[in-house]
Amino acid sequence: AQRGRRPPPHLPGCRIVTAAPTLPFPTADRAALGVAVRSWLAAHPAGCTDWEITHGLGLPERRHGSVVKRRQEAGAIPTGQTRPSPHGGAPMTVWRLP
């Protein structure tokens, strides 16, 4: 820690993660994640939201941005449908492969 800076206080209700979850591929491997996202979308022709893809692949929420980028690279297109956000936010776009 830097001099004069305190670590953030523990927030009630937050849990401290001591080990990363075991994933079916290395998280730093973009190509493997791209294949996984494309395979997930191929297996769900009606489409999925980015959140459904992230959680369907067993990834932590912090990997959501990586999933979005791999979905874009896969060329997924919007279906014109939306689904409710799991966190109560704006509706989420449903994506599918062309």
C-alpha atoms as a PDB file:
ATOM      1  CA  ALA A   1       0.000   0.000   0.000  1.00  0.00           C
ATOM      2  CA  GLN A   2       1.127   3.527  -0.661  1.00  0.00           C
ATOM      3  CA  ARG A   3       2.038   5.730   2.253  1.00  0.00           C
ATOM      4  CA  GLY A   4      -0.927   7.731   3.525  1.00  0.00           C
ATOM      5  CA  ARG A   5      -3.520   5.628   1.703  1.00  0.00           C
ATOM      6  CA  ARG A   6      -5.722   3.183   3.510  1.00  0.00           C
ATOM      7  CA  PRO A   7      -7.231   0.146   1.883  1.00  0.00           C
ATOM      8  CA  PRO A   8     -10.983   0.484   1.272  1.00  0.00           C
ATOM      9  CA  PRO A   9     -13.104  -0.643   4.225  1.00  0.00           C
ATOM     10  CA  HIS A  10     -14.889  -3.955   4.012  1.00  0.00           C
ATOM     11  CA  LEU A  11     -18.459  -3.426   2.900  1.00  0.00           C
ATOM     12  CA  PRO A  12     -21.164  -5.388   4.726  1.00  0.00           C
ATOM     13  CA  GLY A  13     -22.758  -7.971   2.495  1.00  0.00           C
ATOM     14  CA  CYS A  14     -19.752  -8.256   0.163  1.00  0.00           C
ATOM     15  CA  ARG A  15     -17.822 -11.458   0.098  1.00  0.00           C
ATOM     16  CA  ILE A  16     -14.128 -11.720  -0.495  1.00  0.00           C
ATOM     17  CA  VAL A  17     -13.198 -14.134  -3.266  1.00  0.00           C
ATOM     18  CA  THR A  18     -10.107 -16.123  -2.382  1.00  0.00           C
ATOM     19  CA  ALA A  19      -9.864 -18.195  -5.556  1.00  0.00           C
ATOM     20  CA  ALA A  20     -10.888 -17.644  -9.149  1.00  0.00           C
ATOM     21  CA  PRO A  21     -13.593 -19.940 -10.484  1.00  0.00           C
ATOM     22  CA  THR A  22     -12.495 -22.807 -12.682  1.00  0.00           C
ATOM     23  CA  LEU A  23     -13.463 -22.018 -16.258  1.00  0.00           C
ATOM     24  CA  PRO A  24     -13.569 -24.326 -19.286  1.00  0.00           C
ATOM     25  CA  PHE A  25     -10.811 -22.247 -20.939  1.00  0.00           C
ATOM     26  CA  PRO A  26      -8.128 -19.741 -19.854  1.00  0.00           C
ATOM     27  CA  THR A  27      -9.727 -16.334 -19.351  1.00  0.00           C
ATOM     28  CA  ALA A  28      -6.871 -14.594 -21.152  1.00  0.00           C
ATOM     29  CA  ASP A  29      -7.388 -16.665 -24.307  1.00  0.00           C
ATOM     30  CA  ARG A  30      -9.475 -14.459 -26.581  1.00  0.00           C
ATOM     31  CA  ALA A  31      -9.671 -17.030 -29.350  1.00  0.00           C
ATOM     32  CA  ALA A  32     -11.064 -19.700 -27.015  1.00  0.00           C
ATOM     33  CA  LEU A  33     -13.599 -17.257 -25.590  1.00  0.00           C
ATOM     34  CA  GLY A  34     -14.587 -16.276 -29.143  1.00  0.00           C
ATOM     35  CA  VAL A  35     -15.176 -19.928 -30.051  1.00  0.00           C
ATOM     36  CA  ALA A  36     -17.186 -20.449 -26.858  1.00  0.00           C
ATOM     37  CA  VAL A  37     -19.401 -17.395 -27.512  1.00  0.00           C
ATOM     38  CA  ARG A  38     -19.958 -18.397 -31.144  1.00  0.00           C
ATOM     39  CA  SER A  39     -20.784 -21.993 -30.106  1.00  0.00           C
ATOM     40  CA  TRP A  40     -23.213 -20.757 -27.443  1.00  0.00           C
ATOM     41  CA  LEU A  41     -25.023 -18.567 -29.971  1.00  0.00           C
ATOM     42  CA  ALA A  42     -25.084 -21.403 -32.515  1.00  0.00           C
ATOM     43  CA  ALA A  43     -26.668 -23.674 -29.901  1.00  0.00           C
ATOM     44  CA  HIS A  44     -29.361 -21.050 -29.211  1.00  0.00           C
ATOM     45  CA  PRO A  45     -30.742 -20.029 -32.631  1.00  0.00           C
ATOM     46  CA  ALA A  46     -33.550 -17.958 -31.068  1.00  0.00           C
ATOM     47  CA  GLY A  47     -30.840 -15.745 -29.580  1.00  0.00           C
ATOM     48  CA  CYS A  48     -29.460 -14.733 -26.194  1.00  0.00           C
ATOM     49  CA  THR A  49     -28.657 -11.550 -24.342  1.00  0.00           C
ATOM     50  CA  ASP A  50     -25.055 -10.747 -23.458  1.00  0.00           C
ATOM     51  CA  TRP A  51     -25.891 -11.526 -19.824  1.00  0.00           C
ATOM     52  CA  GLU A  52     -27.288 -14.951 -20.772  1.00  0.00           C
ATOM     53  CA  ILE A  53     -24.145 -15.733 -22.768  1.00  0.00           C
ATOM     54  CA  THR A  54     -21.860 -14.619 -19.933  1.00  0.00           C
ATOM     55  CA  HIS A  55     -23.645 -16.670 -17.304  1.00  0.00           C
ATOM     56  CA  GLY A  56     -24.360 -19.571 -19.637  1.00  0.00           C
ATOM     57  CA  LEU A  57     -20.614 -19.963 -20.183  1.00  0.00           C
ATOM     58  CA  GLY A  58     -20.069 -19.905 -16.427  1.00  0.00           C
ATOM     59  CA  LEU A  59     -18.132 -16.637 -16.487  1.00  0.00           C
ATOM     60  CA  PRO A  60     -18.102 -14.056 -13.704  1.00  0.00           C
ATOM     61  CA  GLU A  61     -19.878 -10.753 -14.396  1.00  0.00           C
ATOM     62  CA  ARG A  62     -16.524  -8.963 -14.665  1.00  0.00           C
ATOM     63  CA  ARG A  63     -15.994 -10.823 -17.974  1.00  0.00           C
ATOM     64  CA  HIS A  64     -19.179  -9.324 -19.496  1.00  0.00           C
ATOM     65  CA  GLY A  65     -17.209  -6.770 -21.543  1.00  0.00           C
ATOM     66  CA  SER A  66     -15.060  -9.514 -23.064  1.00  0.00           C
ATOM     67  CA  VAL A  67     -18.173 -11.474 -23.994  1.00  0.00           C
ATOM     68  CA  VAL A  68     -19.652  -8.388 -25.694  1.00  0.00           C
ATOM     69  CA  LYS A  69     -16.475  -7.942 -27.758  1.00  0.00           C
ATOM     70  CA  ARG A  70     -16.372 -11.612 -28.768  1.00  0.00           C
ATOM     71  CA  ARG A  71     -20.095 -11.491 -29.684  1.00  0.00           C
ATOM     72  CA  GLN A  72     -19.392  -8.467 -31.904  1.00  0.00           C
ATOM     73  CA  GLU A  73     -16.460 -10.295 -33.513  1.00  0.00           C
ATOM     74  CA  ALA A  74     -18.723 -13.306 -34.140  1.00  0.00           C
ATOM     75  CA  GLY A  75     -20.969 -11.043 -36.230  1.00  0.00           C
ATOM     76  CA  ALA A  76     -24.095 -11.588 -34.144  1.00  0.00           C
ATOM     77  CA  ILE A  77     -27.077  -9.475 -35.174  1.00  0.00           C
ATOM     78  CA  PRO A  78     -29.983  -8.147 -33.080  1.00  0.00           C
ATOM     79  CA  THR A  79     -33.212 -10.147 -33.308  1.00  0.00           C
ATOM     80  CA  GLY A  80     -35.380  -7.101 -32.689  1.00  0.00           C
ATOM     81  CA  GLN A  81     -36.412  -8.532 -29.320  1.00  0.00           C
ATOM     82  CA  THR A  82     -35.410  -7.507 -25.820  1.00  0.00           C
ATOM     83  CA  ARG A  83     -35.522  -9.291 -22.490  1.00  0.00           C
ATOM     84  CA  PRO A  84     -35.618  -7.866 -18.982  1.00  0.00           C
ATOM     85  CA  SER A  85     -32.282  -7.069 -17.405  1.00  0.00           C
ATOM     86  CA  PRO A  86     -31.397  -9.367 -14.508  1.00  0.00           C
ATOM     87  CA  HIS A  87     -30.539  -6.305 -12.426  1.00  0.00           C
ATOM     88  CA  GLY A  88     -33.703  -4.355 -13.164  1.00  0.00           C
ATOM     89  CA  GLY A  89     -32.063  -1.976 -15.638  1.00  0.00           C
ATOM     90  CA  ALA A  90     -32.951  -1.222 -19.237  1.00  0.00           C
ATOM     91  CA  PRO A  91     -34.132  -4.151 -21.368  1.00  0.00           C
ATOM     92  CA  MET A  92     -31.318  -6.113 -22.978  1.00  0.00           C
ATOM     93  CA  THR A  93     -31.027  -6.802 -26.703  1.00  0.00           C
ATOM     94  CA  VAL A  94     -31.308 -10.414 -27.844  1.00  0.00           C
ATOM     95  CA  TRP A  95     -28.546 -11.393 -30.306  1.00  0.00           C
ATOM     96  CA  ARG A  96     -28.268 -14.293 -32.766  1.00  0.00           C
ATOM     97  CA  LEU A  97     -25.911 -15.447 -35.480  1.00  0.00           C
ATOM     98  CA  PRO A  98     -26.886 -14.460 -39.035  1.00  0.00           C
END
